[in-house]
Amino acid sequence: MPKKQHRKPKQNFKFKTAKGVQYEVVWRKPDKRHKAVGLCSSPKDEKPRVQISPYLGKQNELNTSIHEFAHAFFWDKSETEVAKFANALSRFLYTECGWRKLEK
């Protein structure tokens, strides 16, 4: 299977949490030691980031994005709570609502 190509956005997406912490979304696969396709850094970091692998399928990219944004907004929640939330919301959006990523 050929490697999935990803087009980098011109500028990384930035957002602020309800507590005013600014995060930057970076389309980069997290370091292998994390064994993850997405990663959210601590809101206490100098430059908080959400990393998302650019090599994911559409449904997995949706789930990973929701999962990592949930970490950013609800840093105190457990991995289990965040995973359950992301799985439920991404399944609803993808399956029930038919949300799909548009190819550019």
N, C-alpha and C. Protein backbone atom coordinates (compact mmCIF):
# COMPACT_ATOMS: atom_id res chain seq x y z
N MET A 1 0.85 -1.18 0.00
CA MET A 1 0.00 0.00 0.00
C MET A 1 0.89 1.24 0.00
N PRO A 2 0.66 2.16 -0.91
CA PRO A 2 1.50 3.36 -0.97
C PRO A 2 1.30 4.24 0.27
N LYS A 3 2.36 4.95 0.60
CA LYS A 3 2.31 5.85 1.75
C LYS A 3 1.35 7.00 1.47
N LYS A 4 0.49 7.30 2.42
CA LYS A 4 -0.48 8.38 2.26
C LYS A 4 0.25 9.72 2.20
N GLN A 5 -0.09 10.50 1.20
CA GLN A 5 0.50 11.82 1.05
C GLN A 5 -0.29 12.84 1.86
N HIS A 6 0.39 13.80 2.41
CA HIS A 6 -0.27 14.85 3.18
C HIS A 6 0.26 16.19 2.71
N ARG A 7 -0.65 17.08 2.48
CA ARG A 7 -0.27 18.45 2.12
C ARG A 7 -0.30 19.29 3.39
N LYS A 8 0.84 19.88 3.69
CA LYS A 8 0.91 20.72 4.88
C LYS A 8 0.13 22.01 4.65
N PRO A 9 -0.60 22.46 5.68
CA PRO A 9 -1.27 23.76 5.54
C PRO A 9 -0.21 24.87 5.47
N LYS A 10 -0.62 25.98 4.89
CA LYS A 10 0.31 27.11 4.78
C LYS A 10 0.76 27.59 6.16
N GLN A 11 -0.16 27.55 7.11
CA GLN A 11 0.15 28.01 8.46
C GLN A 11 -0.53 27.05 9.43
N ASN A 12 0.16 26.72 10.52
CA ASN A 12 -0.44 25.83 11.51
C ASN A 12 -1.63 26.50 12.18
N PHE A 13 -2.63 25.71 12.48
CA PHE A 13 -3.85 26.19 13.13
C PHE A 13 -3.55 26.48 14.60
N LYS A 14 -4.10 27.58 15.10
CA LYS A 14 -3.93 27.95 16.51
C LYS A 14 -5.31 28.15 17.11
N PHE A 15 -5.43 27.80 18.39
CA PHE A 15 -6.69 27.99 19.11
C PHE A 15 -6.39 28.26 20.58
N LYS A 16 -7.38 28.86 21.25
CA LYS A 16 -7.26 29.11 22.68
C LYS A 16 -8.28 28.27 23.42
N THR A 17 -7.87 27.74 24.56
CA THR A 17 -8.79 26.98 25.40
C THR A 17 -9.65 27.94 26.20
N ALA A 18 -10.61 27.39 26.94
CA ALA A 18 -11.49 28.22 27.78
C ALA A 18 -10.69 28.96 28.84
N LYS A 19 -9.51 28.44 29.18
CA LYS A 19 -8.66 29.09 30.18
C LYS A 19 -7.67 30.06 29.55
N GLY A 20 -7.80 30.28 28.24
CA GLY A 20 -6.96 31.26 27.56
C GLY A 20 -5.59 30.76 27.14
N VAL A 21 -5.35 29.46 27.21
CA VAL A 21 -4.06 28.91 26.79
C VAL A 21 -4.08 28.72 25.27
N GLN A 22 -3.09 29.30 24.60
CA GLN A 22 -3.03 29.16 23.14
C GLN A 22 -2.24 27.92 22.76
N TYR A 23 -2.84 27.08 21.93
CA TYR A 23 -2.22 25.88 21.40
C TYR A 23 -2.00 26.06 19.90
N GLU A 24 -1.02 25.35 19.39
CA GLU A 24 -0.77 25.29 17.96
C GLU A 24 -0.92 23.83 17.52
N VAL A 25 -1.63 23.60 16.42
CA VAL A 25 -1.78 22.26 15.88
C VAL A 25 -0.68 22.04 14.85
N VAL A 26 0.08 20.96 15.05
CA VAL A 26 1.20 20.63 14.17
C VAL A 26 0.92 19.28 13.54
N TRP A 27 0.97 19.22 12.22
CA TRP A 27 0.75 17.96 11.50
C TRP A 27 2.07 17.21 11.41
N ARG A 28 2.35 16.48 12.48
CA ARG A 28 3.60 15.71 12.56
C ARG A 28 3.35 14.49 13.43
N LYS A 29 3.85 13.36 13.01
CA LYS A 29 3.70 12.14 13.80
C LYS A 29 4.51 12.30 15.09
N PRO A 30 3.88 12.02 16.24
CA PRO A 30 4.61 12.12 17.50
C PRO A 30 5.80 11.16 17.54
N ASP A 31 6.77 11.50 18.34
CA ASP A 31 7.96 10.68 18.54
C ASP A 31 7.57 9.23 18.85
N LYS A 32 8.33 8.27 18.32
CA LYS A 32 8.03 6.84 18.49
C LYS A 32 7.91 6.42 19.95
N ARG A 33 8.62 7.05 20.83
CA ARG A 33 8.58 6.64 22.24
C ARG A 33 7.20 6.84 22.87
N HIS A 34 6.35 7.68 22.25
CA HIS A 34 5.01 7.91 22.77
C HIS A 34 4.01 6.85 22.30
N LYS A 35 4.36 6.12 21.24
CA LYS A 35 3.49 5.07 20.70
C LYS A 35 2.07 5.61 20.49
N ALA A 36 1.97 6.76 19.83
CA ALA A 36 0.69 7.42 19.63
C ALA A 36 0.64 8.06 18.24
N VAL A 37 -0.58 8.30 17.76
CA VAL A 37 -0.77 8.99 16.49
C VAL A 37 -1.12 10.46 16.70
N GLY A 38 -1.32 10.82 17.98
CA GLY A 38 -1.59 12.20 18.35
C GLY A 38 -1.04 12.46 19.73
N LEU A 39 -0.79 13.73 20.02
CA LEU A 39 -0.20 14.08 21.31
C LEU A 39 -0.57 15.52 21.66
N CYS A 40 -0.91 15.75 22.91
CA CYS A 40 -1.20 17.09 23.40
C CYS A 40 -0.23 17.42 24.51
N SER A 41 0.48 18.52 24.38
CA SER A 41 1.42 18.90 25.43
C SER A 41 0.69 19.63 26.56
N SER A 42 1.37 19.75 27.66
CA SER A 42 0.80 20.39 28.84
C SER A 42 0.48 21.86 28.59
N PRO A 43 -0.62 22.34 29.17
CA PRO A 43 -0.92 23.77 29.03
C PRO A 43 0.11 24.65 29.73
N LYS A 44 0.95 24.04 30.55
CA LYS A 44 2.00 24.79 31.25
C LYS A 44 3.28 24.91 30.43
N ASP A 45 3.37 24.20 29.30
CA ASP A 45 4.54 24.31 28.44
C ASP A 45 4.65 25.73 27.90
N GLU A 46 5.85 26.11 27.52
CA GLU A 46 6.07 27.45 26.97
C GLU A 46 5.27 27.66 25.69
N LYS A 47 5.26 26.65 24.83
CA LYS A 47 4.49 26.71 23.58
C LYS A 47 3.67 25.43 23.46
N PRO A 48 2.49 25.39 24.06
CA PRO A 48 1.68 24.17 24.01
C PRO A 48 1.30 23.80 22.57
N ARG A 49 1.36 22.49 22.29
CA ARG A 49 1.08 22.00 20.94
C ARG A 49 0.20 20.77 20.97
N VAL A 50 -0.54 20.62 19.90
CA VAL A 50 -1.25 19.38 19.60
C VAL A 50 -0.57 18.85 18.34
N GLN A 51 -0.08 17.61 18.42
CA GLN A 51 0.53 16.97 17.27
C GLN A 51 -0.43 15.91 16.75
N ILE A 52 -0.62 15.88 15.44
CA ILE A 52 -1.47 14.88 14.80
C ILE A 52 -0.72 14.32 13.60
N SER A 53 -0.64 13.00 13.54
CA SER A 53 0.04 12.38 12.41
C SER A 53 -0.67 12.73 11.12
N PRO A 54 0.08 13.11 10.09
CA PRO A 54 -0.52 13.44 8.80
C PRO A 54 -0.83 12.20 7.96
N TYR A 55 -0.58 11.00 8.50
CA TYR A 55 -0.72 9.77 7.74
C TYR A 55 -1.93 8.94 8.16
N LEU A 56 -2.93 9.56 8.76
CA LEU A 56 -4.11 8.84 9.24
C LEU A 56 -5.21 8.82 8.19
N GLY A 57 -6.08 7.81 8.29
CA GLY A 57 -7.27 7.78 7.47
C GLY A 57 -8.24 8.84 7.97
N LYS A 58 -9.29 9.09 7.21
CA LYS A 58 -10.22 10.18 7.53
C LYS A 58 -10.89 10.01 8.90
N GLN A 59 -11.40 8.81 9.18
CA GLN A 59 -12.09 8.60 10.45
C GLN A 59 -11.11 8.66 11.62
N ASN A 60 -9.93 8.09 11.45
CA ASN A 60 -8.93 8.11 12.51
C ASN A 60 -8.41 9.53 12.75
N GLU A 61 -8.28 10.31 11.68
CA GLU A 61 -7.85 11.70 11.84
C GLU A 61 -8.89 12.50 12.61
N LEU A 62 -10.17 12.28 12.31
CA LEU A 62 -11.25 12.95 13.04
C LEU A 62 -11.20 12.58 14.52
N ASN A 63 -11.09 11.28 14.81
CA ASN A 63 -11.06 10.83 16.19
C ASN A 63 -9.85 11.37 16.93
N THR A 64 -8.69 11.31 16.31
CA THR A 64 -7.46 11.80 16.95
C THR A 64 -7.53 13.30 17.20
N SER A 65 -8.06 14.05 16.26
CA SER A 65 -8.19 15.50 16.44
C SER A 65 -9.10 15.83 17.62
N ILE A 66 -10.25 15.17 17.68
CA ILE A 66 -11.17 15.40 18.81
C ILE A 66 -10.50 15.01 20.12
N HIS A 67 -9.83 13.87 20.11
CA HIS A 67 -9.16 13.37 21.31
C HIS A 67 -8.13 14.37 21.85
N GLU A 68 -7.27 14.85 20.97
CA GLU A 68 -6.21 15.76 21.42
C GLU A 68 -6.74 17.14 21.80
N PHE A 69 -7.76 17.63 21.10
CA PHE A 69 -8.39 18.90 21.50
C PHE A 69 -9.05 18.76 22.87
N ALA A 70 -9.66 17.60 23.12
CA ALA A 70 -10.28 17.36 24.43
C ALA A 70 -9.22 17.41 25.53
N HIS A 71 -8.05 16.84 25.28
CA HIS A 71 -6.96 16.94 26.26
C HIS A 71 -6.61 18.40 26.52
N ALA A 72 -6.53 19.20 25.46
CA ALA A 72 -6.17 20.61 25.61
C ALA A 72 -7.19 21.36 26.46
N PHE A 73 -8.46 21.11 26.22
CA PHE A 73 -9.51 21.81 26.95
C PHE A 73 -9.78 21.24 28.34
N PHE A 74 -9.56 19.95 28.49
CA PHE A 74 -9.88 19.27 29.76
C PHE A 74 -8.66 18.50 30.24
N TRP A 75 -7.57 19.22 30.47
CA TRP A 75 -6.28 18.64 30.81
C TRP A 75 -6.35 17.73 32.04
N ASP A 76 -7.25 18.01 32.95
CA ASP A 76 -7.33 17.25 34.20
C ASP A 76 -8.08 15.92 34.04
N LYS A 77 -8.70 15.67 32.91
CA LYS A 77 -9.45 14.43 32.69
C LYS A 77 -8.50 13.28 32.35
N SER A 78 -8.90 12.08 32.71
CA SER A 78 -8.07 10.90 32.47
C SER A 78 -8.06 10.54 30.99
N GLU A 79 -7.08 9.73 30.62
CA GLU A 79 -6.99 9.24 29.24
C GLU A 79 -8.25 8.45 28.88
N THR A 80 -8.76 7.68 29.81
CA THR A 80 -9.97 6.89 29.58
C THR A 80 -11.17 7.79 29.31
N GLU A 81 -11.34 8.84 30.09
CA GLU A 81 -12.47 9.76 29.90
C GLU A 81 -12.38 10.46 28.55
N VAL A 82 -11.18 10.92 28.21
CA VAL A 82 -10.97 11.61 26.93
C VAL A 82 -11.22 10.66 25.76
N ALA A 83 -10.73 9.43 25.87
CA ALA A 83 -10.90 8.45 24.80
C ALA A 83 -12.38 8.13 24.60
N LYS A 84 -13.12 7.94 25.68
CA LYS A 84 -14.55 7.64 25.56
C LYS A 84 -15.29 8.80 24.89
N PHE A 85 -14.97 10.01 25.28
CA PHE A 85 -15.60 11.19 24.67
C PHE A 85 -15.28 11.26 23.18
N ALA A 86 -13.99 11.17 22.83
CA ALA A 86 -13.56 11.28 21.44
C ALA A 86 -14.16 10.17 20.59
N ASN A 87 -14.18 8.96 21.11
CA ASN A 87 -14.74 7.83 20.35
C ASN A 87 -16.24 8.04 20.09
N ALA A 88 -16.97 8.47 21.10
CA ALA A 88 -18.42 8.68 20.93
C ALA A 88 -18.70 9.81 19.95
N LEU A 89 -18.01 10.95 20.10
CA LEU A 89 -18.27 12.10 19.22
C LEU A 89 -17.83 11.82 17.79
N SER A 90 -16.66 11.24 17.60
CA SER A 90 -16.20 10.97 16.23
C SER A 90 -17.08 9.92 15.55
N ARG A 91 -17.52 8.91 16.29
CA ARG A 91 -18.41 7.90 15.71
C ARG A 91 -19.74 8.54 15.29
N PHE A 92 -20.29 9.43 16.14
CA PHE A 92 -21.53 10.13 15.81
C PHE A 92 -21.36 10.99 14.56
N LEU A 93 -20.31 11.82 14.54
CA LEU A 93 -20.09 12.72 13.41
C LEU A 93 -19.83 11.95 12.12
N TYR A 94 -19.03 10.89 12.19
CA TYR A 94 -18.65 10.15 10.99
C TYR A 94 -19.78 9.24 10.50
N THR A 95 -20.39 8.50 11.42
CA THR A 95 -21.39 7.51 11.03
C THR A 95 -22.79 8.09 10.87
N GLU A 96 -23.23 8.84 11.84
CA GLU A 96 -24.61 9.36 11.82
C GLU A 96 -24.76 10.62 10.98
N CYS A 97 -23.76 11.49 11.03
CA CYS A 97 -23.85 12.77 10.31
C CYS A 97 -23.17 12.75 8.95
N GLY A 98 -22.34 11.74 8.70
CA GLY A 98 -21.67 11.63 7.41
C GLY A 98 -20.57 12.64 7.18
N TRP A 99 -19.96 13.14 8.25
CA TRP A 99 -18.89 14.12 8.09
C TRP A 99 -17.68 13.47 7.46
N ARG A 100 -17.12 14.15 6.45
CA ARG A 100 -15.93 13.66 5.78
C ARG A 100 -15.00 14.83 5.50
N LYS A 101 -13.73 14.53 5.49
CA LYS A 101 -12.71 15.53 5.17
C LYS A 101 -12.72 15.75 3.67
N LEU A 102 -12.73 16.98 3.25
CA LEU A 102 -12.65 17.31 1.84
C LEU A 102 -11.20 17.30 1.40
N GLU A 103 -10.93 16.70 0.29
CA GLU A 103 -9.58 16.69 -0.26
C GLU A 103 -9.33 18.02 -0.96
N LYS A 104 -8.19 18.60 -0.74
CA LYS A 104 -7.86 19.90 -1.35
C LYS A 104 -6.98 19.71 -2.56
